[in-house]
N, C-alpha and C. Protein backbone atom coordinates (compact mmCIF):
# COMPACT_ATOMS: atom_id res chain seq x y z
N PHE A 1 83.41 2.43 108.86
CA PHE A 1 82.07 2.92 108.60
C PHE A 1 82.16 4.39 108.20
N SER A 2 81.40 4.72 107.18
CA SER A 2 81.46 6.08 106.64
C SER A 2 80.28 6.89 107.12
N GLN A 3 80.51 8.14 107.49
CA GLN A 3 79.41 9.02 107.91
C GLN A 3 78.48 9.32 106.74
N SER A 4 78.96 9.14 105.52
CA SER A 4 78.10 9.39 104.37
C SER A 4 77.06 8.29 104.19
N LEU A 5 77.32 7.10 104.77
CA LEU A 5 76.36 6.00 104.70
C LEU A 5 75.45 6.05 105.93
N THR A 6 74.49 6.97 105.91
CA THR A 6 73.63 7.16 107.07
C THR A 6 72.58 6.07 107.15
N SER A 7 72.08 5.84 108.35
CA SER A 7 70.98 4.91 108.61
C SER A 7 71.31 3.49 108.15
N GLN A 8 72.53 3.05 108.38
CA GLN A 8 72.94 1.70 108.02
C GLN A 8 73.14 0.83 109.26
N SER A 9 73.92 1.29 110.22
CA SER A 9 74.23 0.48 111.39
C SER A 9 73.11 0.59 112.44
N TYR A 10 73.06 -0.41 113.33
CA TYR A 10 71.98 -0.51 114.30
C TYR A 10 72.53 -0.71 115.70
N GLY A 11 71.74 -0.27 116.69
CA GLY A 11 72.15 -0.43 118.07
C GLY A 11 70.96 -0.58 118.99
N ALA A 12 71.23 -1.04 120.22
CA ALA A 12 70.24 -1.07 121.29
C ALA A 12 70.66 -0.06 122.35
N PHE A 13 69.69 0.65 122.90
CA PHE A 13 69.98 1.75 123.82
C PHE A 13 69.22 1.55 125.13
N ASP A 14 69.84 1.94 126.20
CA ASP A 14 69.21 1.96 127.52
C ASP A 14 69.28 3.39 128.04
N GLU A 15 68.14 4.08 128.03
CA GLU A 15 68.06 5.48 128.45
C GLU A 15 69.10 6.33 127.74
N GLY A 16 69.20 6.12 126.42
CA GLY A 16 70.10 6.91 125.61
C GLY A 16 71.52 6.41 125.55
N LYS A 17 71.84 5.38 126.33
CA LYS A 17 73.19 4.83 126.35
C LYS A 17 73.26 3.65 125.37
N LEU A 18 74.20 3.70 124.44
CA LEU A 18 74.38 2.61 123.49
C LEU A 18 74.96 1.39 124.21
N VAL A 19 74.25 0.24 124.15
CA VAL A 19 74.72 -0.95 124.86
C VAL A 19 75.04 -2.10 123.90
N THR A 20 74.48 -2.08 122.70
CA THR A 20 74.80 -3.08 121.68
C THR A 20 74.93 -2.38 120.34
N PHE A 21 75.92 -2.80 119.56
CA PHE A 21 76.15 -2.17 118.25
C PHE A 21 76.42 -3.24 117.21
N LEU A 22 75.78 -3.10 116.04
CA LEU A 22 76.06 -3.95 114.87
C LEU A 22 76.27 -3.03 113.68
N GLY A 23 77.48 -3.04 113.15
CA GLY A 23 77.82 -2.17 112.03
C GLY A 23 77.49 -2.84 110.71
N LEU A 24 76.97 -2.07 109.78
CA LEU A 24 76.51 -2.60 108.51
C LEU A 24 77.05 -1.74 107.37
N VAL A 25 77.62 -2.40 106.35
CA VAL A 25 78.22 -1.68 105.22
C VAL A 25 77.76 -2.33 103.91
N PRO A 26 77.16 -1.55 103.00
CA PRO A 26 76.76 -2.10 101.70
C PRO A 26 77.91 -2.10 100.71
N SER A 27 77.95 -3.14 99.86
CA SER A 27 79.01 -3.25 98.85
C SER A 27 78.47 -3.97 97.63
N VAL A 28 79.24 -3.91 96.56
CA VAL A 28 78.95 -4.68 95.35
C VAL A 28 80.16 -5.55 95.05
N ILE A 29 79.93 -6.83 94.86
CA ILE A 29 81.00 -7.78 94.53
C ILE A 29 80.84 -8.22 93.09
N ARG A 30 81.94 -8.23 92.35
CA ARG A 30 81.95 -8.74 90.98
C ARG A 30 82.66 -10.08 90.94
N VAL A 31 82.00 -11.07 90.35
CA VAL A 31 82.60 -12.38 90.10
C VAL A 31 82.43 -12.65 88.62
N GLY A 32 83.49 -12.41 87.84
CA GLY A 32 83.34 -12.46 86.39
C GLY A 32 82.35 -11.42 85.94
N GLU A 33 81.34 -11.84 85.19
CA GLU A 33 80.30 -10.92 84.72
C GLU A 33 79.18 -10.73 85.73
N SER A 34 79.17 -11.53 86.79
CA SER A 34 78.11 -11.44 87.78
C SER A 34 78.33 -10.27 88.73
N ARG A 35 77.23 -9.68 89.16
CA ARG A 35 77.27 -8.52 90.05
C ARG A 35 76.35 -8.80 91.23
N LEU A 36 76.90 -8.85 92.45
CA LEU A 36 76.15 -9.18 93.64
C LEU A 36 76.08 -8.00 94.59
N ASN A 37 74.87 -7.63 94.99
CA ASN A 37 74.69 -6.63 96.03
C ASN A 37 74.77 -7.33 97.38
N VAL A 38 75.66 -6.89 98.26
CA VAL A 38 75.86 -7.56 99.54
C VAL A 38 75.96 -6.52 100.66
N TYR A 39 75.80 -7.00 101.87
CA TYR A 39 76.12 -6.23 103.07
C TYR A 39 77.16 -6.98 103.87
N SER A 40 78.01 -6.26 104.57
CA SER A 40 78.98 -6.86 105.49
C SER A 40 78.67 -6.38 106.91
N LEU A 41 78.73 -7.32 107.86
CA LEU A 41 78.45 -7.01 109.26
C LEU A 41 79.78 -6.94 110.00
N GLY A 42 79.95 -5.93 110.85
CA GLY A 42 81.21 -5.81 111.56
C GLY A 42 81.08 -5.01 112.85
N SER A 43 82.14 -5.02 113.64
CA SER A 43 82.20 -4.29 114.92
C SER A 43 81.02 -4.65 115.83
N VAL A 44 80.66 -5.93 115.84
CA VAL A 44 79.54 -6.39 116.67
C VAL A 44 80.01 -6.46 118.13
N CYS A 45 79.31 -5.75 119.01
CA CYS A 45 79.75 -5.71 120.41
C CYS A 45 78.57 -5.36 121.32
N THR A 46 78.66 -5.85 122.55
CA THR A 46 77.66 -5.55 123.58
C THR A 46 78.40 -5.23 124.88
N HIS A 47 77.95 -4.20 125.58
CA HIS A 47 78.53 -3.84 126.86
C HIS A 47 78.45 -5.03 127.81
N PRO A 48 79.53 -5.31 128.56
CA PRO A 48 79.53 -6.50 129.44
C PRO A 48 78.33 -6.60 130.36
N ASP A 49 77.81 -5.47 130.86
CA ASP A 49 76.68 -5.51 131.79
C ASP A 49 75.38 -5.90 131.11
N TYR A 50 75.36 -5.94 129.77
CA TYR A 50 74.11 -6.19 129.05
C TYR A 50 74.17 -7.48 128.22
N ARG A 51 75.20 -8.27 128.41
CA ARG A 51 75.31 -9.50 127.65
C ARG A 51 74.39 -10.59 128.19
N GLY A 52 74.01 -11.51 127.30
CA GLY A 52 73.14 -12.61 127.71
C GLY A 52 71.68 -12.25 127.84
N LYS A 53 71.30 -11.07 127.39
CA LYS A 53 69.91 -10.61 127.51
C LYS A 53 69.17 -10.60 126.18
N GLY A 54 69.85 -11.06 125.11
CA GLY A 54 69.19 -11.15 123.81
C GLY A 54 69.18 -9.86 123.00
N TYR A 55 69.91 -8.83 123.46
CA TYR A 55 69.90 -7.56 122.73
C TYR A 55 70.51 -7.71 121.34
N ALA A 56 71.65 -8.41 121.25
CA ALA A 56 72.31 -8.54 119.95
C ALA A 56 71.43 -9.30 118.96
N SER A 57 70.74 -10.33 119.43
CA SER A 57 69.84 -11.08 118.56
C SER A 57 68.70 -10.21 118.06
N ALA A 58 68.17 -9.38 118.95
CA ALA A 58 67.07 -8.49 118.55
C ALA A 58 67.54 -7.48 117.52
N VAL A 59 68.74 -6.96 117.73
CA VAL A 59 69.26 -5.98 116.77
C VAL A 59 69.58 -6.66 115.44
N LEU A 60 70.07 -7.91 115.50
CA LEU A 60 70.38 -8.63 114.27
C LEU A 60 69.11 -8.84 113.43
N GLU A 61 67.96 -9.03 114.08
CA GLU A 61 66.70 -9.15 113.33
C GLU A 61 66.43 -7.87 112.54
N ARG A 62 66.71 -6.72 113.14
CA ARG A 62 66.55 -5.44 112.43
C ARG A 62 67.52 -5.36 111.25
N VAL A 63 68.73 -5.83 111.47
CA VAL A 63 69.74 -5.82 110.40
C VAL A 63 69.27 -6.68 109.22
N LEU A 64 68.79 -7.89 109.50
CA LEU A 64 68.34 -8.78 108.44
C LEU A 64 67.15 -8.19 107.68
N ALA A 65 66.27 -7.51 108.39
CA ALA A 65 65.14 -6.85 107.72
C ALA A 65 65.64 -5.73 106.81
N HIS A 66 66.65 -5.01 107.28
CA HIS A 66 67.25 -3.94 106.47
C HIS A 66 67.84 -4.51 105.18
N VAL A 67 68.57 -5.61 105.30
CA VAL A 67 69.19 -6.24 104.14
C VAL A 67 68.13 -6.67 103.13
N ASP A 68 67.03 -7.24 103.63
CA ASP A 68 65.94 -7.66 102.74
C ASP A 68 65.32 -6.46 102.03
N ARG A 69 65.04 -5.39 102.77
CA ARG A 69 64.43 -4.21 102.16
C ARG A 69 65.32 -3.60 101.09
N ALA A 70 66.65 -3.71 101.30
CA ALA A 70 67.60 -3.13 100.35
C ALA A 70 67.76 -3.99 99.10
N GLY A 71 67.25 -5.23 99.14
CA GLY A 71 67.37 -6.11 97.99
C GLY A 71 68.75 -6.73 97.82
N ALA A 72 69.50 -6.87 98.91
CA ALA A 72 70.84 -7.47 98.82
C ALA A 72 70.73 -8.99 98.76
N ALA A 73 71.72 -9.61 98.11
CA ALA A 73 71.70 -11.06 97.94
C ALA A 73 72.30 -11.79 99.14
N LEU A 74 73.25 -11.16 99.83
CA LEU A 74 73.98 -11.83 100.90
C LEU A 74 74.27 -10.87 102.04
N LEU A 75 74.34 -11.42 103.25
CA LEU A 75 74.92 -10.73 104.39
C LEU A 75 76.17 -11.50 104.77
N LEU A 76 77.30 -10.84 104.74
CA LEU A 76 78.59 -11.47 105.05
C LEU A 76 78.97 -11.18 106.50
N VAL A 77 79.25 -12.25 107.26
CA VAL A 77 79.69 -12.10 108.64
C VAL A 77 80.98 -12.89 108.81
N THR A 78 81.73 -12.56 109.85
CA THR A 78 82.96 -13.28 110.16
C THR A 78 82.81 -13.92 111.53
N GLY A 79 83.00 -15.23 111.58
CA GLY A 79 82.92 -15.90 112.87
C GLY A 79 81.81 -16.91 112.91
N THR A 80 81.81 -17.74 113.96
CA THR A 80 80.85 -18.83 114.10
C THR A 80 80.07 -18.71 115.41
N ARG A 81 79.88 -17.50 115.89
CA ARG A 81 79.15 -17.29 117.14
C ARG A 81 77.72 -17.81 117.00
N SER A 82 77.15 -18.25 118.11
CA SER A 82 75.76 -18.71 118.10
C SER A 82 74.81 -17.60 117.68
N LEU A 83 75.19 -16.35 117.90
CA LEU A 83 74.39 -15.23 117.42
C LEU A 83 74.10 -15.36 115.94
N TYR A 84 75.08 -15.83 115.17
CA TYR A 84 74.93 -15.95 113.72
C TYR A 84 74.28 -17.28 113.33
N THR A 85 74.69 -18.37 113.97
CA THR A 85 74.13 -19.67 113.59
C THR A 85 72.65 -19.74 113.92
N ARG A 86 72.21 -19.08 115.00
CA ARG A 86 70.78 -19.06 115.33
C ARG A 86 69.98 -18.33 114.26
N ALA A 87 70.65 -17.42 113.56
CA ALA A 87 69.98 -16.64 112.51
C ALA A 87 70.15 -17.29 111.13
N ASN A 88 70.53 -18.59 111.14
CA ASN A 88 70.65 -19.38 109.90
C ASN A 88 71.80 -18.93 109.00
N CYS A 89 72.84 -18.38 109.59
CA CYS A 89 74.07 -18.12 108.82
C CYS A 89 74.81 -19.45 108.65
N HIS A 90 75.48 -19.60 107.52
CA HIS A 90 76.15 -20.86 107.20
C HIS A 90 77.61 -20.60 106.83
N LEU A 91 78.46 -21.57 107.18
CA LEU A 91 79.86 -21.49 106.78
C LEU A 91 79.96 -21.59 105.26
N PHE A 92 80.87 -20.84 104.69
CA PHE A 92 81.05 -20.88 103.23
C PHE A 92 82.52 -20.72 102.90
N GLY A 93 83.02 -21.64 102.02
CA GLY A 93 84.37 -21.50 101.49
C GLY A 93 85.45 -21.97 102.43
N ASP A 94 86.67 -21.97 101.93
CA ASP A 94 87.86 -22.36 102.68
C ASP A 94 88.96 -21.35 102.42
N VAL A 95 89.87 -21.24 103.35
CA VAL A 95 91.04 -20.39 103.19
C VAL A 95 92.29 -21.25 103.35
N THR A 96 93.17 -21.21 102.36
CA THR A 96 94.46 -21.88 102.45
C THR A 96 95.53 -20.82 102.68
N ARG A 97 96.35 -21.01 103.71
CA ARG A 97 97.40 -20.04 104.03
C ARG A 97 98.75 -20.59 103.59
N PHE A 98 99.41 -19.84 102.73
CA PHE A 98 100.78 -20.15 102.34
C PHE A 98 101.72 -19.30 103.18
N VAL A 99 102.90 -19.83 103.46
CA VAL A 99 103.91 -19.11 104.23
C VAL A 99 105.16 -18.97 103.37
N LEU A 100 105.56 -17.74 103.14
CA LEU A 100 106.76 -17.46 102.35
C LEU A 100 107.87 -17.02 103.29
N LYS A 101 109.02 -17.72 103.22
CA LYS A 101 110.17 -17.41 104.08
C LYS A 101 111.33 -16.89 103.23
N PRO A 102 112.33 -16.27 103.88
CA PRO A 102 113.39 -15.60 103.11
C PRO A 102 114.08 -16.48 102.08
N ASP A 103 114.47 -17.70 102.45
CA ASP A 103 115.18 -18.56 101.50
C ASP A 103 114.32 -18.87 100.28
N GLU A 104 113.02 -19.04 100.50
CA GLU A 104 112.12 -19.34 99.40
C GLU A 104 111.89 -18.12 98.51
N ALA A 105 112.08 -16.94 99.08
CA ALA A 105 111.83 -15.71 98.34
C ALA A 105 112.91 -15.43 97.30
N ASP A 106 114.10 -15.97 97.50
CA ASP A 106 115.23 -15.60 96.64
C ASP A 106 114.99 -15.96 95.17
N ALA A 107 114.33 -17.09 94.92
CA ALA A 107 114.09 -17.49 93.52
C ALA A 107 113.25 -16.45 92.80
N PHE A 108 112.29 -15.88 93.50
CA PHE A 108 111.44 -14.87 92.88
C PHE A 108 112.18 -13.55 92.70
N ILE A 109 113.10 -13.27 93.60
CA ILE A 109 113.91 -12.05 93.46
C ILE A 109 114.73 -12.12 92.18
N GLN A 110 115.29 -13.30 91.87
CA GLN A 110 116.05 -13.49 90.63
C GLN A 110 115.14 -13.33 89.42
N TYR A 111 113.91 -13.78 89.53
CA TYR A 111 112.95 -13.63 88.43
C TYR A 111 112.69 -12.16 88.14
N ARG A 112 112.67 -11.35 89.21
CA ARG A 112 112.45 -9.92 89.04
C ARG A 112 113.52 -9.31 88.14
N SER A 113 114.77 -9.68 88.35
CA SER A 113 115.86 -9.15 87.54
C SER A 113 115.73 -9.57 86.09
N ALA A 114 115.31 -10.81 85.88
CA ALA A 114 115.17 -11.31 84.51
C ALA A 114 114.08 -10.57 83.76
N LYS A 115 113.03 -10.17 84.46
CA LYS A 115 111.92 -9.47 83.83
C LYS A 115 112.09 -7.95 83.83
N GLU A 116 113.17 -7.47 84.40
CA GLU A 116 113.47 -6.04 84.46
C GLU A 116 112.32 -5.26 85.12
N VAL A 117 111.84 -5.83 86.22
CA VAL A 117 110.76 -5.20 86.97
C VAL A 117 111.35 -4.43 88.14
N HIS A 118 110.90 -3.20 88.32
CA HIS A 118 111.36 -2.36 89.43
C HIS A 118 110.28 -2.35 90.51
N ILE A 119 110.68 -2.67 91.75
CA ILE A 119 109.74 -2.68 92.88
C ILE A 119 110.02 -1.47 93.76
N ARG A 120 108.99 -0.73 94.07
CA ARG A 120 109.15 0.44 94.94
C ARG A 120 107.89 0.60 95.79
N GLU A 121 107.97 1.51 96.77
CA GLU A 121 106.80 1.78 97.60
C GLU A 121 105.84 2.73 96.87
N LEU A 122 104.61 2.71 97.33
CA LEU A 122 103.54 3.51 96.73
C LEU A 122 103.87 4.99 96.77
N GLU A 123 103.56 5.68 95.67
CA GLU A 123 103.69 7.13 95.60
C GLU A 123 102.32 7.77 95.35
N GLY A 124 102.23 9.05 95.60
CA GLY A 124 100.95 9.75 95.49
C GLY A 124 100.37 9.77 94.10
N THR A 125 101.20 9.58 93.09
CA THR A 125 100.71 9.61 91.71
C THR A 125 100.28 8.23 91.20
N ASP A 126 100.26 7.24 92.08
CA ASP A 126 99.97 5.86 91.65
C ASP A 126 98.49 5.46 91.76
N TRP A 127 97.66 6.26 92.42
CA TRP A 127 96.33 5.78 92.79
C TRP A 127 95.46 5.44 91.59
N LEU A 128 95.49 6.22 90.55
CA LEU A 128 94.67 5.92 89.38
C LEU A 128 95.08 4.59 88.75
N LYS A 129 96.39 4.35 88.70
CA LYS A 129 96.89 3.10 88.12
C LYS A 129 96.58 1.92 89.03
N LEU A 130 96.67 2.13 90.36
CA LEU A 130 96.31 1.07 91.30
C LEU A 130 94.84 0.68 91.12
N SER A 131 93.99 1.68 90.99
CA SER A 131 92.56 1.43 90.81
C SER A 131 92.29 0.65 89.53
N GLU A 132 93.02 0.97 88.48
CA GLU A 132 92.84 0.26 87.21
C GLU A 132 93.24 -1.21 87.35
N LEU A 133 94.36 -1.47 88.04
CA LEU A 133 94.79 -2.85 88.26
C LEU A 133 93.77 -3.60 89.12
N ALA A 134 93.27 -2.95 90.17
CA ALA A 134 92.32 -3.60 91.08
C ALA A 134 91.02 -3.95 90.35
N SER A 135 90.57 -3.06 89.48
CA SER A 135 89.30 -3.28 88.79
C SER A 135 89.40 -4.34 87.70
N ALA A 136 90.61 -4.75 87.34
CA ALA A 136 90.79 -5.77 86.30
C ALA A 136 90.75 -7.19 86.87
N ARG A 137 90.68 -7.33 88.20
CA ARG A 137 90.65 -8.66 88.79
C ARG A 137 89.33 -9.36 88.49
N GLU A 138 89.40 -10.67 88.32
CA GLU A 138 88.21 -11.46 87.99
C GLU A 138 87.19 -11.42 89.13
N THR A 139 87.67 -11.48 90.36
CA THR A 139 86.80 -11.42 91.53
C THR A 139 87.24 -10.25 92.39
N ARG A 140 86.29 -9.38 92.73
CA ARG A 140 86.69 -8.13 93.39
C ARG A 140 85.47 -7.43 93.98
N TYR A 141 85.74 -6.56 94.92
CA TYR A 141 84.75 -5.57 95.33
C TYR A 141 84.80 -4.43 94.32
N GLU A 142 83.64 -3.86 94.01
CA GLU A 142 83.64 -2.63 93.22
C GLU A 142 84.16 -1.51 94.11
N GLN A 143 85.20 -0.82 93.65
CA GLN A 143 85.82 0.23 94.44
C GLN A 143 86.18 1.40 93.55
N SER A 144 85.83 2.59 93.99
CA SER A 144 86.34 3.78 93.33
C SER A 144 87.78 4.01 93.77
N VAL A 145 88.44 4.96 93.14
CA VAL A 145 89.79 5.33 93.59
C VAL A 145 89.74 5.75 95.05
N TRP A 146 88.70 6.50 95.39
CA TRP A 146 88.52 6.99 96.77
C TRP A 146 88.35 5.81 97.73
N ASP A 147 87.51 4.83 97.37
CA ASP A 147 87.28 3.67 98.23
C ASP A 147 88.58 2.92 98.49
N LEU A 148 89.33 2.65 97.42
CA LEU A 148 90.57 1.90 97.55
C LEU A 148 91.56 2.63 98.46
N ALA A 149 91.73 3.91 98.23
CA ALA A 149 92.67 4.69 99.04
C ALA A 149 92.23 4.77 100.50
N THR A 150 90.92 4.91 100.71
CA THR A 150 90.40 4.98 102.08
C THR A 150 90.66 3.70 102.85
N LEU A 151 90.45 2.55 102.20
CA LEU A 151 90.66 1.27 102.87
C LEU A 151 92.14 1.02 103.15
N VAL A 152 93.00 1.38 102.22
CA VAL A 152 94.44 1.22 102.45
C VAL A 152 94.87 2.09 103.62
N HIS A 153 94.36 3.30 103.69
CA HIS A 153 94.72 4.22 104.77
C HIS A 153 94.14 3.78 106.11
N ALA A 154 92.90 3.26 106.09
CA ALA A 154 92.21 2.93 107.34
C ALA A 154 92.75 1.68 108.02
N GLU A 155 93.40 0.80 107.25
CA GLU A 155 93.93 -0.45 107.82
C GLU A 155 92.85 -1.19 108.62
N PRO A 156 91.67 -1.42 108.04
CA PRO A 156 90.53 -1.89 108.84
C PRO A 156 90.74 -3.23 109.52
N TYR A 157 91.39 -4.17 108.83
CA TYR A 157 91.65 -5.48 109.45
C TYR A 157 93.03 -5.51 110.10
N ALA A 158 94.02 -4.94 109.43
CA ALA A 158 95.39 -4.97 109.95
C ALA A 158 95.47 -4.36 111.35
N SER A 159 94.77 -3.26 111.57
CA SER A 159 94.86 -2.59 112.86
C SER A 159 94.28 -3.45 113.98
N CYS A 160 93.32 -4.34 113.65
CA CYS A 160 92.74 -5.22 114.67
C CYS A 160 93.75 -6.24 115.16
N ILE A 161 94.72 -6.59 114.34
CA ILE A 161 95.71 -7.61 114.72
C ILE A 161 97.11 -6.98 114.88
N ARG A 162 97.12 -5.66 115.11
CA ARG A 162 98.34 -4.91 115.42
C ARG A 162 99.38 -4.97 114.31
N LEU A 163 98.91 -4.87 113.09
CA LEU A 163 99.78 -4.71 111.93
C LEU A 163 99.47 -3.36 111.30
N TYR A 164 100.43 -2.83 110.54
CA TYR A 164 100.15 -1.62 109.78
C TYR A 164 100.52 -1.85 108.32
N HIS A 165 99.82 -1.15 107.44
CA HIS A 165 99.94 -1.39 106.01
C HIS A 165 101.23 -0.84 105.41
N LYS A 166 101.77 -1.62 104.49
CA LYS A 166 102.78 -1.16 103.55
C LYS A 166 102.27 -1.52 102.16
N VAL A 167 102.61 -0.69 101.18
CA VAL A 167 102.16 -0.95 99.80
C VAL A 167 103.37 -0.91 98.88
N LEU A 168 103.57 -2.00 98.14
CA LEU A 168 104.61 -2.07 97.12
C LEU A 168 103.96 -2.13 95.75
N VAL A 169 104.61 -1.50 94.76
CA VAL A 169 104.14 -1.58 93.38
C VAL A 169 105.27 -2.11 92.51
N ALA A 170 104.88 -2.82 91.45
CA ALA A 170 105.83 -3.33 90.46
C ALA A 170 105.70 -2.50 89.20
N GLU A 171 106.84 -2.00 88.71
CA GLU A 171 106.83 -1.06 87.58
C GLU A 171 107.79 -1.56 86.50
N LYS A 172 107.38 -1.42 85.25
CA LYS A 172 108.24 -1.76 84.13
C LYS A 172 108.00 -0.75 83.02
N ASP A 173 109.07 -0.13 82.55
CA ASP A 173 108.98 0.88 81.49
C ASP A 173 107.97 1.97 81.82
N GLY A 174 107.93 2.35 83.12
CA GLY A 174 107.05 3.43 83.54
C GLY A 174 105.61 3.05 83.75
N GLU A 175 105.25 1.77 83.56
CA GLU A 175 103.88 1.32 83.72
C GLU A 175 103.77 0.37 84.91
N LEU A 176 102.73 0.56 85.73
CA LEU A 176 102.53 -0.33 86.86
C LEU A 176 102.00 -1.68 86.38
N GLN A 177 102.65 -2.75 86.87
CA GLN A 177 102.28 -4.11 86.50
C GLN A 177 101.53 -4.85 87.61
N GLY A 178 101.61 -4.32 88.84
CA GLY A 178 100.95 -4.98 89.95
C GLY A 178 101.19 -4.22 91.24
N PHE A 179 100.43 -4.59 92.28
CA PHE A 179 100.64 -3.98 93.60
C PHE A 179 100.34 -5.01 94.68
N LEU A 180 100.85 -4.73 95.88
CA LEU A 180 100.66 -5.60 97.03
C LEU A 180 100.44 -4.74 98.27
N VAL A 181 99.35 -5.02 98.99
CA VAL A 181 99.10 -4.41 100.30
C VAL A 181 99.32 -5.48 101.35
N PHE A 182 100.22 -5.24 102.27
CA PHE A 182 100.51 -6.23 103.31
C PHE A 182 100.71 -5.54 104.64
N GLY A 183 100.63 -6.32 105.71
CA GLY A 183 100.77 -5.76 107.04
C GLY A 183 102.02 -6.25 107.73
N VAL A 184 102.71 -5.34 108.40
CA VAL A 184 103.88 -5.69 109.20
C VAL A 184 103.61 -5.27 110.64
N PRO A 185 104.25 -5.95 111.62
CA PRO A 185 103.95 -5.66 113.04
C PRO A 185 104.42 -4.28 113.46
N TYR A 186 103.71 -3.72 114.44
CA TYR A 186 104.16 -2.48 115.06
C TYR A 186 105.54 -2.67 115.69
N ARG A 187 105.75 -3.84 116.28
CA ARG A 187 107.02 -4.17 116.91
C ARG A 187 107.25 -5.67 116.86
N LEU A 188 108.48 -6.10 117.04
CA LEU A 188 108.81 -7.52 117.02
C LEU A 188 108.17 -8.25 118.20
N GLY A 189 107.87 -9.50 118.01
CA GLY A 189 107.35 -10.31 119.09
C GLY A 189 105.84 -10.33 119.20
N LEU A 190 105.14 -9.57 118.35
CA LEU A 190 103.68 -9.60 118.40
C LEU A 190 103.17 -10.93 117.87
N LYS A 191 101.99 -11.31 118.29
CA LYS A 191 101.45 -12.64 118.02
C LYS A 191 101.19 -12.87 116.55
N TRP A 192 100.61 -11.89 115.85
CA TRP A 192 100.16 -12.13 114.48
C TRP A 192 101.32 -11.90 113.51
N PRO A 193 101.57 -12.82 112.57
CA PRO A 193 102.69 -12.66 111.64
C PRO A 193 102.37 -11.65 110.55
N PRO A 194 103.38 -11.12 109.88
CA PRO A 194 103.14 -10.27 108.70
C PRO A 194 102.24 -11.01 107.71
N THR A 195 101.28 -10.28 107.13
CA THR A 195 100.24 -10.91 106.32
C THR A 195 99.96 -10.10 105.07
N ALA A 196 99.79 -10.78 103.95
CA ALA A 196 99.38 -10.13 102.71
C ALA A 196 97.86 -10.00 102.71
N PHE A 197 97.35 -8.82 102.36
CA PHE A 197 95.91 -8.57 102.41
C PHE A 197 95.27 -8.43 101.03
N GLU A 198 95.95 -7.77 100.11
CA GLU A 198 95.33 -7.50 98.82
C GLU A 198 96.41 -7.32 97.77
N TRP A 199 96.11 -7.75 96.56
CA TRP A 199 97.10 -7.63 95.48
C TRP A 199 96.39 -7.65 94.14
N ALA A 200 97.12 -7.25 93.12
CA ALA A 200 96.61 -7.31 91.75
C ALA A 200 97.79 -7.40 90.80
N GLY A 201 97.52 -7.92 89.59
CA GLY A 201 98.56 -8.12 88.60
C GLY A 201 98.69 -9.59 88.27
N ASP A 202 99.52 -9.90 87.28
CA ASP A 202 99.76 -11.29 86.92
C ASP A 202 100.39 -12.05 88.09
N ALA A 203 100.16 -13.37 88.11
CA ALA A 203 100.64 -14.19 89.22
C ALA A 203 102.14 -14.06 89.42
N GLU A 204 102.90 -14.02 88.32
CA GLU A 204 104.35 -13.92 88.44
C GLU A 204 104.77 -12.60 89.08
N ILE A 205 104.08 -11.53 88.72
CA ILE A 205 104.38 -10.22 89.31
C ILE A 205 104.05 -10.20 90.79
N VAL A 206 102.90 -10.79 91.15
CA VAL A 206 102.51 -10.84 92.56
C VAL A 206 103.53 -11.64 93.36
N ALA A 207 104.04 -12.73 92.79
CA ALA A 207 105.06 -13.53 93.47
C ALA A 207 106.32 -12.70 93.74
N VAL A 208 106.71 -11.89 92.76
CA VAL A 208 107.88 -11.02 92.94
C VAL A 208 107.61 -9.99 94.05
N LEU A 209 106.42 -9.44 94.08
CA LEU A 209 106.07 -8.46 95.11
C LEU A 209 106.11 -9.09 96.50
N LEU A 210 105.56 -10.29 96.63
CA LEU A 210 105.57 -10.98 97.92
C LEU A 210 107.00 -11.25 98.38
N ALA A 211 107.84 -11.73 97.46
CA ALA A 211 109.23 -12.03 97.81
C ALA A 211 110.00 -10.77 98.19
N THR A 212 109.76 -9.70 97.45
CA THR A 212 110.44 -8.43 97.75
C THR A 212 110.03 -7.91 99.12
N ALA A 213 108.75 -8.08 99.48
CA ALA A 213 108.29 -7.66 100.80
C ALA A 213 109.05 -8.38 101.90
N VAL A 214 109.26 -9.68 101.72
CA VAL A 214 109.98 -10.48 102.72
C VAL A 214 111.40 -9.98 102.88
N ARG A 215 112.08 -9.76 101.76
CA ARG A 215 113.49 -9.38 101.81
C ARG A 215 113.69 -7.91 102.22
N ARG A 216 112.89 -7.02 101.66
CA ARG A 216 113.11 -5.60 101.90
C ARG A 216 112.81 -5.20 103.34
N PHE A 217 111.84 -5.89 103.95
CA PHE A 217 111.45 -5.51 105.31
C PHE A 217 111.94 -6.53 106.34
N ASN A 218 112.89 -7.38 105.92
CA ASN A 218 113.53 -8.35 106.83
C ASN A 218 112.51 -9.18 107.60
N LEU A 219 111.52 -9.69 106.89
CA LEU A 219 110.48 -10.49 107.53
C LEU A 219 110.93 -11.93 107.66
N GLU A 220 110.68 -12.53 108.81
CA GLU A 220 110.99 -13.94 109.00
C GLU A 220 110.03 -14.82 108.23
N ARG A 221 108.81 -14.29 107.95
CA ARG A 221 107.81 -15.01 107.18
C ARG A 221 106.75 -14.01 106.71
N LEU A 222 106.04 -14.41 105.68
CA LEU A 222 104.90 -13.63 105.21
C LEU A 222 103.76 -14.60 104.94
N ASP A 223 102.67 -14.44 105.67
CA ASP A 223 101.51 -15.31 105.47
C ASP A 223 100.68 -14.77 104.30
N VAL A 224 100.29 -15.69 103.42
CA VAL A 224 99.55 -15.30 102.21
C VAL A 224 98.29 -16.14 102.12
N PRO A 225 97.14 -15.60 102.57
CA PRO A 225 95.90 -16.36 102.48
C PRO A 225 95.33 -16.33 101.07
């Protein structure tokens, strides 16, 4: 949540003490030529002493009114809590998870050599090119260079599952061909496996980046949703 986005998130208070919080973030999603104004709901929480009293539902009503006043098309939430289903939220879409293991990665590593693609970690001079690659995707959030860099740095989802971000870029003849943002564990033995979060570039380049991540960081597996 950004301090520059004032008057977005909502809470319930008891004598000045925050007891329920619902975070709200506005975004624009592009799907081909279509442009959708949306809000995302996050960091929903209630103090244990105040649960079961309807505070979150009351605050969610304020959130929905805010979304309507703003003229947004969708409110995006994560999860199937009764808090959301009571408010007429519906499940949408499916996620297929692929698992890439070291032996499977080798074929893509050989492809990298054939295409003369150089894979390296992100450098400070790459952000403008990363933004250009990200904005060329058919389906995407609208992001400025600043937005993209802030999200990569903040690790908003990775940090929740005890992963931290690494960024690889694919380069050929001095030009960036693709990038990959993925999470690796703070330490071995953690529950959540290394996971790919965001990428851009041609499918073949992305495959090379995924395989290189597995081999370079000695990952036993890389989950790719």
